[in-house]
Amino acid sequence: MRRVVVRYRVKPDRVEENERLVRAVYEELHRAGPAGFRYATFKLDDGVTFVHVAEGDDPPLPRLAAFKEFQKDIAARCDEPPLASEAEQVGSFGRD
């Protein structure tokens, strides 16, 4: 299974906008219900750094209108642009 972790830092005055756009992606994911895909977004304690974790062999994100809207002006929202990395799971606990 492919795992991707994306980390970026938004401008302080764009945090609410970023959160709104992220929530719209989740709303569309809930409607679409893609099988075999897991996705989570975290805001770190600095209040401006976001981390997204996606797991699945056929991620639906590029096909979602809300995700396209989220990506549209991501560079303008960010102080630190998104950095995506493949991630290898070393261990886990309490997951299906």
PDB file of N, CA and C in Angstrom:
ATOM      1  N   MET A   1       0.852  -1.184   0.000  1.00  0.00           N
ATOM      2  CA  MET A   1       0.000   0.000   0.000  1.00  0.00           C
ATOM      3  C   MET A   1       0.893   1.241   0.000  1.00  0.00           C
ATOM      4  N   ARG A   2       0.549   2.168  -0.818  1.00  0.00           N
ATOM      5  CA  ARG A   2       1.298   3.420  -0.927  1.00  0.00           C
ATOM      6  C   ARG A   2       0.863   4.389   0.175  1.00  0.00           C
ATOM      7  N   ARG A   3       1.861   5.018   0.814  1.00  0.00           N
ATOM      8  CA  ARG A   3       1.600   6.020   1.850  1.00  0.00           C
ATOM      9  C   ARG A   3       2.367   7.286   1.496  1.00  0.00           C
ATOM     10  N   VAL A   4       1.675   8.411   1.544  1.00  0.00           N
ATOM     11  CA  VAL A   4       2.304   9.699   1.249  1.00  0.00           C
ATOM     12  C   VAL A   4       2.006  10.653   2.402  1.00  0.00           C
ATOM     13  N   VAL A   5       3.044  11.352   2.835  1.00  0.00           N
ATOM     14  CA  VAL A   5       2.917  12.364   3.882  1.00  0.00           C
ATOM     15  C   VAL A   5       3.281  13.706   3.254  1.00  0.00           C
ATOM     16  N   VAL A   6       2.405  14.691   3.431  1.00  0.00           N
ATOM     17  CA  VAL A   6       2.634  16.036   2.889  1.00  0.00           C
ATOM     18  C   VAL A   6       2.629  17.021   4.059  1.00  0.00           C
ATOM     19  N   ARG A   7       3.641  17.860   4.089  1.00  0.00           N
ATOM     20  CA  ARG A   7       3.761  18.854   5.163  1.00  0.00           C
ATOM     21  C   ARG A   7       3.972  20.227   4.529  1.00  0.00           C
ATOM     22  N   TYR A   8       3.302  21.251   5.088  1.00  0.00           N
ATOM     23  CA  TYR A   8       3.457  22.625   4.611  1.00  0.00           C
ATOM     24  C   TYR A   8       3.063  23.585   5.719  1.00  0.00           C
ATOM     25  N   ARG A   9       3.473  24.830   5.574  1.00  0.00           N
ATOM     26  CA  ARG A   9       3.134  25.868   6.553  1.00  0.00           C
ATOM     27  C   ARG A   9       2.413  26.998   5.842  1.00  0.00           C
ATOM     28  N   VAL A  10       1.219  27.326   6.320  1.00  0.00           N
ATOM     29  CA  VAL A  10       0.446  28.406   5.705  1.00  0.00           C
ATOM     30  C   VAL A  10       0.726  29.733   6.407  1.00  0.00           C
ATOM     31  N   LYS A  11       0.411  30.798   5.712  1.00  0.00           N
ATOM     32  CA  LYS A  11       0.523  32.133   6.301  1.00  0.00           C
ATOM     33  C   LYS A  11      -0.515  32.248   7.418  1.00  0.00           C
ATOM     34  N   PRO A  12      -0.175  32.884   8.522  1.00  0.00           N
ATOM     35  CA  PRO A  12      -1.104  32.956   9.650  1.00  0.00           C
ATOM     36  C   PRO A  12      -2.491  33.496   9.287  1.00  0.00           C
ATOM     37  N   ASP A  13      -2.556  34.443   8.375  1.00  0.00           N
ATOM     38  CA  ASP A  13      -3.852  35.014   8.011  1.00  0.00           C
ATOM     39  C   ASP A  13      -4.630  34.134   7.018  1.00  0.00           C
ATOM     40  N   ARG A  14      -4.072  32.979   6.623  1.00  0.00           N
ATOM     41  CA  ARG A  14      -4.738  32.086   5.680  1.00  0.00           C
ATOM     42  C   ARG A  14      -5.115  30.739   6.302  1.00  0.00           C
ATOM     43  N   VAL A  15      -4.908  30.587   7.621  1.00  0.00           N
ATOM     44  CA  VAL A  15      -5.185  29.310   8.291  1.00  0.00           C
ATOM     45  C   VAL A  15      -6.656  28.928   8.165  1.00  0.00           C
ATOM     46  N   GLU A  16      -7.559  29.849   8.463  1.00  0.00           N
ATOM     47  CA  GLU A  16      -8.994  29.544   8.398  1.00  0.00           C
ATOM     48  C   GLU A  16      -9.408  29.154   6.986  1.00  0.00           C
ATOM     49  N   GLU A  17      -8.898  29.850   5.997  1.00  0.00           N
ATOM     50  CA  GLU A  17      -9.195  29.524   4.596  1.00  0.00           C
ATOM     51  C   GLU A  17      -8.708  28.110   4.276  1.00  0.00           C
ATOM     52  N   ASN A  18      -7.490  27.794   4.711  1.00  0.00           N
ATOM     53  CA  ASN A  18      -6.939  26.467   4.442  1.00  0.00           C
ATOM     54  C   ASN A  18      -7.802  25.387   5.104  1.00  0.00           C
ATOM     55  N   GLU A  19      -8.190  25.615   6.338  1.00  0.00           N
ATOM     56  CA  GLU A  19      -9.032  24.650   7.042  1.00  0.00           C
ATOM     57  C   GLU A  19     -10.375  24.467   6.331  1.00  0.00           C
ATOM     58  N   ARG A  20     -10.953  25.547   5.861  1.00  0.00           N
ATOM     59  CA  ARG A  20     -12.227  25.457   5.132  1.00  0.00           C
ATOM     60  C   ARG A  20     -12.062  24.606   3.877  1.00  0.00           C
ATOM     61  N   LEU A  21     -10.983  24.823   3.141  1.00  0.00           N
ATOM     62  CA  LEU A  21     -10.732  24.055   1.915  1.00  0.00           C
ATOM     63  C   LEU A  21     -10.469  22.581   2.225  1.00  0.00           C
ATOM     64  N   VAL A  22      -9.757  22.315   3.307  1.00  0.00           N
ATOM     65  CA  VAL A  22      -9.505  20.922   3.719  1.00  0.00           C
ATOM     66  C   VAL A  22     -10.819  20.242   4.085  1.00  0.00           C
ATOM     67  N   ARG A  23     -11.665  20.921   4.851  1.00  0.00           N
ATOM     68  CA  ARG A  23     -12.954  20.334   5.235  1.00  0.00           C
ATOM     69  C   ARG A  23     -13.816  20.017   4.012  1.00  0.00           C
ATOM     70  N   ALA A  24     -13.741  20.858   2.993  1.00  0.00           N
ATOM     71  CA  ALA A  24     -14.502  20.596   1.759  1.00  0.00           C
ATOM     72  C   ALA A  24     -14.023  19.313   1.082  1.00  0.00           C
ATOM     73  N   VAL A  25     -12.728  19.046   1.142  1.00  0.00           N
ATOM     74  CA  VAL A  25     -12.198  17.797   0.580  1.00  0.00           C
ATOM     75  C   VAL A  25     -12.800  16.612   1.334  1.00  0.00           C
ATOM     76  N   TYR A  26     -12.836  16.692   2.657  1.00  0.00           N
ATOM     77  CA  TYR A  26     -13.407  15.600   3.446  1.00  0.00           C
ATOM     78  C   TYR A  26     -14.895  15.416   3.181  1.00  0.00           C
ATOM     79  N   GLU A  27     -15.615  16.506   2.993  1.00  0.00           N
ATOM     80  CA  GLU A  27     -17.045  16.387   2.667  1.00  0.00           C
ATOM     81  C   GLU A  27     -17.230  15.625   1.366  1.00  0.00           C
ATOM     82  N   GLU A  28     -16.417  15.952   0.358  1.00  0.00           N
ATOM     83  CA  GLU A  28     -16.529  15.250  -0.918  1.00  0.00           C
ATOM     84  C   GLU A  28     -16.094  13.788  -0.781  1.00  0.00           C
ATOM     85  N   LEU A  29     -15.054  13.534  -0.001  1.00  0.00           N
ATOM     86  CA  LEU A  29     -14.630  12.145   0.227  1.00  0.00           C
ATOM     87  C   LEU A  29     -15.740  11.339   0.891  1.00  0.00           C
ATOM     88  N   HIS A  30     -16.405  11.929   1.864  1.00  0.00           N
ATOM     89  CA  HIS A  30     -17.503  11.218   2.537  1.00  0.00           C
ATOM     90  C   HIS A  30     -18.640  10.907   1.572  1.00  0.00           C
ATOM     91  N   ARG A  31     -18.915  11.809   0.663  1.00  0.00           N
ATOM     92  CA  ARG A  31     -19.963  11.548  -0.343  1.00  0.00           C
ATOM     93  C   ARG A  31     -19.530  10.454  -1.313  1.00  0.00           C
ATOM     94  N   ALA A  32     -18.271  10.500  -1.742  1.00  0.00           N
ATOM     95  CA  ALA A  32     -17.768   9.544  -2.739  1.00  0.00           C
ATOM     96  C   ALA A  32     -17.513   8.165  -2.127  1.00  0.00           C
ATOM     97  N   GLY A  33     -17.057   8.127  -0.884  1.00  0.00           N
ATOM     98  CA  GLY A  33     -16.806   6.866  -0.197  1.00  0.00           C
ATOM     99  C   GLY A  33     -15.826   5.941  -0.901  1.00  0.00           C
ATOM    100  N   PRO A  34     -14.651   6.423  -1.305  1.00  0.00           N
ATOM    101  CA  PRO A  34     -13.719   5.562  -2.026  1.00  0.00           C
ATOM    102  C   PRO A  34     -13.200   4.409  -1.155  1.00  0.00           C
ATOM    103  N   ALA A  35     -13.301   3.201  -1.683  1.00  0.00           N
ATOM    104  CA  ALA A  35     -12.839   2.017  -0.957  1.00  0.00           C
ATOM    105  C   ALA A  35     -11.314   1.952  -0.984  1.00  0.00           C
ATOM    106  N   GLY A  36     -10.740   1.430   0.100  1.00  0.00           N
ATOM    107  CA  GLY A  36      -9.311   1.202   0.151  1.00  0.00           C
ATOM    108  C   GLY A  36      -8.473   2.453   0.263  1.00  0.00           C
ATOM    109  N   PHE A  37      -9.071   3.552   0.702  1.00  0.00           N
ATOM    110  CA  PHE A  37      -8.336   4.814   0.816  1.00  0.00           C
ATOM    111  C   PHE A  37      -8.517   5.364   2.218  1.00  0.00           C
ATOM    112  N   ARG A  38      -7.409   5.764   2.827  1.00  0.00           N
ATOM    113  CA  ARG A  38      -7.430   6.403   4.147  1.00  0.00           C
ATOM    114  C   ARG A  38      -6.726   7.746   4.019  1.00  0.00           C
ATOM    115  N   TYR A  39      -7.256   8.728   4.727  1.00  0.00           N
ATOM    116  CA  TYR A  39      -6.715  10.074   4.600  1.00  0.00           C
ATOM    117  C   TYR A  39      -6.924  10.791   5.924  1.00  0.00           C
ATOM    118  N   ALA A  40      -5.912  11.504   6.383  1.00  0.00           N
ATOM    119  CA  ALA A  40      -6.018  12.273   7.615  1.00  0.00           C
ATOM    120  C   ALA A  40      -5.229  13.567   7.461  1.00  0.00           C
ATOM    121  N   THR A  41      -5.731  14.613   8.096  1.00  0.00           N
ATOM    122  CA  THR A  41      -5.056  15.912   8.091  1.00  0.00           C
ATOM    123  C   THR A  41      -4.904  16.373   9.532  1.00  0.00           C
ATOM    124  N   PHE A  42      -3.728  16.889   9.841  1.00  0.00           N
ATOM    125  CA  PHE A  42      -3.416  17.360  11.182  1.00  0.00           C
ATOM    126  C   PHE A  42      -2.881  18.786  11.107  1.00  0.00           C
ATOM    127  N   LYS A  43      -3.266  19.603  12.088  1.00  0.00           N
ATOM    128  CA  LYS A  43      -2.672  20.937  12.249  1.00  0.00           C
ATOM    129  C   LYS A  43      -1.779  20.843  13.478  1.00  0.00           C
ATOM    130  N   LEU A  44      -0.508  21.204  13.320  1.00  0.00           N
ATOM    131  CA  LEU A  44       0.432  21.095  14.427  1.00  0.00           C
ATOM    132  C   LEU A  44       0.238  22.225  15.428  1.00  0.00           C
ATOM    133  N   ASP A  45       0.888  22.098  16.564  1.00  0.00           N
ATOM    134  CA  ASP A  45       0.636  23.041  17.660  1.00  0.00           C
ATOM    135  C   ASP A  45       1.134  24.455  17.403  1.00  0.00           C
ATOM    136  N   ASP A  46       1.894  24.672  16.332  1.00  0.00           N
ATOM    137  CA  ASP A  46       2.259  26.051  15.987  1.00  0.00           C
ATOM    138  C   ASP A  46       1.096  26.793  15.335  1.00  0.00           C
ATOM    139  N   GLY A  47       0.039  26.048  14.983  1.00  0.00           N
ATOM    140  CA  GLY A  47      -1.174  26.649  14.422  1.00  0.00           C
ATOM    141  C   GLY A  47      -1.124  26.957  12.942  1.00  0.00           C
ATOM    142  N   VAL A  48       0.029  26.753  12.296  1.00  0.00           N
ATOM    143  CA  VAL A  48       0.150  27.091  10.873  1.00  0.00           C
ATOM    144  C   VAL A  48       0.730  25.959  10.019  1.00  0.00           C
ATOM    145  N   THR A  49       1.206  24.904  10.661  1.00  0.00           N
ATOM    146  CA  THR A  49       1.781  23.777   9.927  1.00  0.00           C
ATOM    147  C   THR A  49       0.746  22.666   9.820  1.00  0.00           C
ATOM    148  N   PHE A  50       0.556  22.180   8.609  1.00  0.00           N
ATOM    149  CA  PHE A  50      -0.391  21.111   8.333  1.00  0.00           C
ATOM    150  C   PHE A  50       0.349  19.886   7.812  1.00  0.00           C
ATOM    151  N   VAL A  51      -0.154  18.722   8.197  1.00  0.00           N
ATOM    152  CA  VAL A  51       0.389  17.457   7.729  1.00  0.00           C
ATOM    153  C   VAL A  51      -0.782  16.614   7.240  1.00  0.00           C
ATOM    154  N   HIS A  52      -0.662  16.122   6.020  1.00  0.00           N
ATOM    155  CA  HIS A  52      -1.676  15.245   5.439  1.00  0.00           C
ATOM    156  C   HIS A  52      -1.046  13.871   5.253  1.00  0.00           C
ATOM    157  N   VAL A  53      -1.786  12.831   5.572  1.00  0.00           N
ATOM    158  CA  VAL A  53      -1.316  11.459   5.385  1.00  0.00           C
ATOM    159  C   VAL A  53      -2.358  10.727   4.550  1.00  0.00           C
ATOM    160  N   ALA A  54      -1.909  10.205   3.415  1.00  0.00           N
ATOM    161  CA  ALA A  54      -2.799   9.475   2.510  1.00  0.00           C
ATOM    162  C   ALA A  54      -2.283   8.052   2.346  1.00  0.00           C
ATOM    163  N   GLU A  55      -3.195   7.090   2.403  1.00  0.00           N
ATOM    164  CA  GLU A  55      -2.846   5.688   2.224  1.00  0.00           C
ATOM    165  C   GLU A  55      -3.794   5.064   1.213  1.00  0.00           C
ATOM    166  N   GLY A  56      -3.223   4.413   0.229  1.00  0.00           N
ATOM    167  CA  GLY A  56      -4.037   3.716  -0.762  1.00  0.00           C
ATOM    168  C   GLY A  56      -3.301   3.615  -2.075  1.00  0.00           C
ATOM    169  N   ASP A  57      -3.655   2.589  -2.840  1.00  0.00           N
ATOM    170  CA  ASP A  57      -2.977   2.365  -4.111  1.00  0.00           C
ATOM    171  C   ASP A  57      -3.550   3.205  -5.251  1.00  0.00           C
ATOM    172  N   ASP A  58      -4.786   3.651  -5.108  1.00  0.00           N
ATOM    173  CA  ASP A  58      -5.413   4.478  -6.145  1.00  0.00           C
ATOM    174  C   ASP A  58      -6.065   5.689  -5.478  1.00  0.00           C
ATOM    175  N   PRO A  59      -5.255   6.665  -5.061  1.00  0.00           N
ATOM    176  CA  PRO A  59      -5.828   7.801  -4.339  1.00  0.00           C
ATOM    177  C   PRO A  59      -6.802   8.599  -5.208  1.00  0.00           C
ATOM    178  N   PRO A  60      -7.987   8.867  -4.679  1.00  0.00           N
ATOM    179  CA  PRO A  60      -9.003   9.586  -5.448  1.00  0.00           C
ATOM    180  C   PRO A  60      -8.827  11.106  -5.439  1.00  0.00           C
ATOM    181  N   LEU A  61      -7.924  11.619  -4.627  1.00  0.00           N
ATOM    182  CA  LEU A  61      -7.810  13.065  -4.449  1.00  0.00           C
ATOM    183  C   LEU A  61      -7.689  13.847  -5.756  1.00  0.00           C
ATOM    184  N   PRO A  62      -6.829  13.456  -6.685  1.00  0.00           N
ATOM    185  CA  PRO A  62      -6.700  14.256  -7.915  1.00  0.00           C
ATOM    186  C   PRO A  62      -7.988  14.375  -8.727  1.00  0.00           C
ATOM    187  N   ARG A  63      -8.935  13.471  -8.490  1.00  0.00           N
ATOM    188  CA  ARG A  63     -10.197  13.488  -9.238  1.00  0.00           C
ATOM    189  C   ARG A  63     -11.299  14.296  -8.553  1.00  0.00           C
ATOM    190  N   LEU A  64     -11.044  14.763  -7.343  1.00  0.00           N
ATOM    191  CA  LEU A  64     -12.071  15.487  -6.581  1.00  0.00           C
ATOM    192  C   LEU A  64     -12.044  16.980  -6.898  1.00  0.00           C
ATOM    193  N   ALA A  65     -13.222  17.544  -7.145  1.00  0.00           N
ATOM    194  CA  ALA A  65     -13.326  18.989  -7.411  1.00  0.00           C
ATOM    195  C   ALA A  65     -12.832  19.794  -6.212  1.00  0.00           C
ATOM    196  N   ALA A  66     -13.162  19.347  -5.004  1.00  0.00           N
ATOM    197  CA  ALA A  66     -12.746  20.081  -3.801  1.00  0.00           C
ATOM    198  C   ALA A  66     -11.229  20.055  -3.626  1.00  0.00           C
ATOM    199  N   PHE A  67     -10.594  18.957  -4.006  1.00  0.00           N
ATOM    200  CA  PHE A  67      -9.138  18.883  -3.908  1.00  0.00           C
ATOM    201  C   PHE A  67      -8.484  19.790  -4.946  1.00  0.00           C
ATOM    202  N   LYS A  68      -9.065  19.852  -6.126  1.00  0.00           N
ATOM    203  CA  LYS A  68      -8.552  20.769  -7.154  1.00  0.00           C
ATOM    204  C   LYS A  68      -8.657  22.208  -6.666  1.00  0.00           C
ATOM    205  N   GLU A  69      -9.760  22.540  -6.006  1.00  0.00           N
ATOM    206  CA  GLU A  69      -9.941  23.883  -5.446  1.00  0.00           C
ATOM    207  C   GLU A  69      -8.918  24.137  -4.336  1.00  0.00           C
ATOM    208  N   PHE A  70      -8.676  23.125  -3.491  1.00  0.00           N
ATOM    209  CA  PHE A  70      -7.683  23.231  -2.422  1.00  0.00           C
ATOM    210  C   PHE A  70      -6.296  23.526  -2.998  1.00  0.00           C
ATOM    211  N   GLN A  71      -5.935  22.863  -4.079  1.00  0.00           N
ATOM    212  CA  GLN A  71      -4.612  23.024  -4.675  1.00  0.00           C
ATOM    213  C   GLN A  71      -4.455  24.304  -5.488  1.00  0.00           C
ATOM    214  N   LYS A  72      -5.572  24.887  -5.908  1.00  0.00           N
ATOM    215  CA  LYS A  72      -5.546  25.987  -6.878  1.00  0.00           C
ATOM    216  C   LYS A  72      -4.575  27.110  -6.513  1.00  0.00           C
ATOM    217  N   ASP A  73      -4.634  27.636  -5.318  1.00  0.00           N
ATOM    218  CA  ASP A  73      -3.702  28.717  -4.972  1.00  0.00           C
ATOM    219  C   ASP A  73      -2.928  28.396  -3.699  1.00  0.00           C
ATOM    220  N   ILE A  74      -2.557  27.121  -3.567  1.00  0.00           N
ATOM    221  CA  ILE A  74      -1.821  26.679  -2.377  1.00  0.00           C
ATOM    222  C   ILE A  74      -0.530  27.475  -2.199  1.00  0.00           C
ATOM    223  N   ALA A  75       0.160  27.792  -3.278  1.00  0.00           N
ATOM    224  CA  ALA A  75       1.427  28.530  -3.171  1.00  0.00           C
ATOM    225  C   ALA A  75       1.205  29.904  -2.537  1.00  0.00           C
ATOM    226  N   ALA A  76       0.105  30.562  -2.863  1.00  0.00           N
ATOM    227  CA  ALA A  76      -0.180  31.883  -2.300  1.00  0.00           C
ATOM    228  C   ALA A  76      -0.555  31.801  -0.821  1.00  0.00           C
ATOM    229  N   ARG A  77      -1.106  30.655  -0.388  1.00  0.00           N
ATOM    230  CA  ARG A  77      -1.489  30.488   1.016  1.00  0.00           C
ATOM    231  C   ARG A  77      -0.307  30.132   1.912  1.00  0.00           C
ATOM    232  N   CYS A  78       0.776  29.680   1.319  1.00  0.00           N
ATOM    233  CA  CYS A  78       1.862  29.083   2.105  1.00  0.00           C
ATOM    234  C   CYS A  78       3.060  29.995   2.323  1.00  0.00           C
ATOM    235  N   ASP A  79       3.618  29.879   3.528  1.00  0.00           N
ATOM    236  CA  ASP A  79       4.943  30.435   3.825  1.00  0.00           C
ATOM    237  C   ASP A  79       6.002  29.385   3.492  1.00  0.00           C
ATOM    238  N   GLU A  80       5.626  28.120   3.621  1.00  0.00           N
ATOM    239  CA  GLU A  80       6.510  26.999   3.306  1.00  0.00           C
ATOM    240  C   GLU A  80       5.701  26.059   2.414  1.00  0.00           C
ATOM    241  N   PRO A  81       6.136  25.836   1.171  1.00  0.00           N
ATOM    242  CA  PRO A  81       5.329  25.060   0.234  1.00  0.00           C
ATOM    243  C   PRO A  81       5.217  23.586   0.625  1.00  0.00           C
ATOM    244  N   PRO A  82       4.212  22.902   0.097  1.00  0.00           N
ATOM    245  CA  PRO A  82       4.036  21.490   0.404  1.00  0.00           C
ATOM    246  C   PRO A  82       5.243  20.661  -0.026  1.00  0.00           C
ATOM    247  N   LEU A  83       5.619  19.756   0.863  1.00  0.00           N
ATOM    248  CA  LEU A  83       6.675  18.798   0.586  1.00  0.00           C
ATOM    249  C   LEU A  83       6.078  17.419   0.789  1.00  0.00           C
ATOM    250  N   ALA A  84       6.018  16.642  -0.289  1.00  0.00           N
ATOM    251  CA  ALA A  84       5.443  15.296  -0.233  1.00  0.00           C
ATOM    252  C   ALA A  84       6.556  14.268  -0.165  1.00  0.00           C
ATOM    253  N   SER A  85       6.344  13.261   0.675  1.00  0.00           N
ATOM    254  CA  SER A  85       7.309  12.177   0.826  1.00  0.00           C
ATOM    255  C   SER A  85       6.566  10.853   0.897  1.00  0.00           C
ATOM    256  N   GLU A  86       7.104   9.838   0.240  1.00  0.00           N
ATOM    257  CA  GLU A  86       6.603   8.481   0.425  1.00  0.00           C
ATOM    258  C   GLU A  86       6.993   8.069   1.832  1.00  0.00           C
ATOM    259  N   ALA A  87       6.145   7.308   2.498  1.00  0.00           N
ATOM    260  CA  ALA A  87       6.424   6.878   3.860  1.00  0.00           C
ATOM    261  C   ALA A  87       6.290   5.364   3.964  1.00  0.00           C
ATOM    262  N   GLU A  88       7.226   4.770   4.657  1.00  0.00           N
ATOM    263  CA  GLU A  88       7.196   3.330   4.919  1.00  0.00           C
ATOM    264  C   GLU A  88       6.768   3.118   6.364  1.00  0.00           C
ATOM    265  N   GLN A  89       5.739   2.324   6.566  1.00  0.00           N
ATOM    266  CA  GLN A  89       5.266   2.057   7.930  1.00  0.00           C
ATOM    267  C   GLN A  89       6.239   1.115   8.619  1.00  0.00           C
ATOM    268  N   VAL A  90       6.656   1.524   9.799  1.00  0.00           N
ATOM    269  CA  VAL A  90       7.552   0.704  10.607  1.00  0.00           C
ATOM    270  C   VAL A  90       6.756  -0.065  11.644  1.00  0.00           C
ATOM    271  N   GLY A  91       5.682   0.520  12.118  1.00  0.00           N
ATOM    272  CA  GLY A  91       4.821  -0.117  13.096  1.00  0.00           C
ATOM    273  C   GLY A  91       3.563   0.686  13.281  1.00  0.00           C
ATOM    274  N   SER A  92       2.572   0.078  13.910  1.00  0.00           N
ATOM    275  CA  SER A  92       1.335   0.789  14.230  1.00  0.00           C
ATOM    276  C   SER A  92       0.646   0.070  15.380  1.00  0.00           C
ATOM    277  N   PHE A  93      -0.287   0.753  15.985  1.00  0.00           N
ATOM    278  CA  PHE A  93      -1.058   0.167  17.073  1.00  0.00           C
ATOM    279  C   PHE A  93      -2.456   0.721  17.023  1.00  0.00           C
ATOM    280  N   GLY A  94      -3.433  -0.114  17.230  1.00  0.00           N
ATOM    281  CA  GLY A  94      -4.813   0.325  17.315  1.00  0.00           C
ATOM    282  C   GLY A  94      -5.451   0.686  15.989  1.00  0.00           C
ATOM    283  N   ARG A  95      -4.969   0.128  14.923  1.00  0.00           N
ATOM    284  CA  ARG A  95      -5.553   0.389  13.597  1.00  0.00           C
ATOM    285  C   ARG A  95      -6.117  -0.900  13.048  1.00  0.00           C
ATOM    286  N   ASP A  96      -7.061  -0.732  12.140  1.00  0.00           N
ATOM    287  CA  ASP A  96      -7.600  -1.907  11.434  1.00  0.00           C
ATOM    288  C   ASP A  96      -6.547  -2.481  10.525  1.00  0.00           C
TER     289      ASP A  96
END
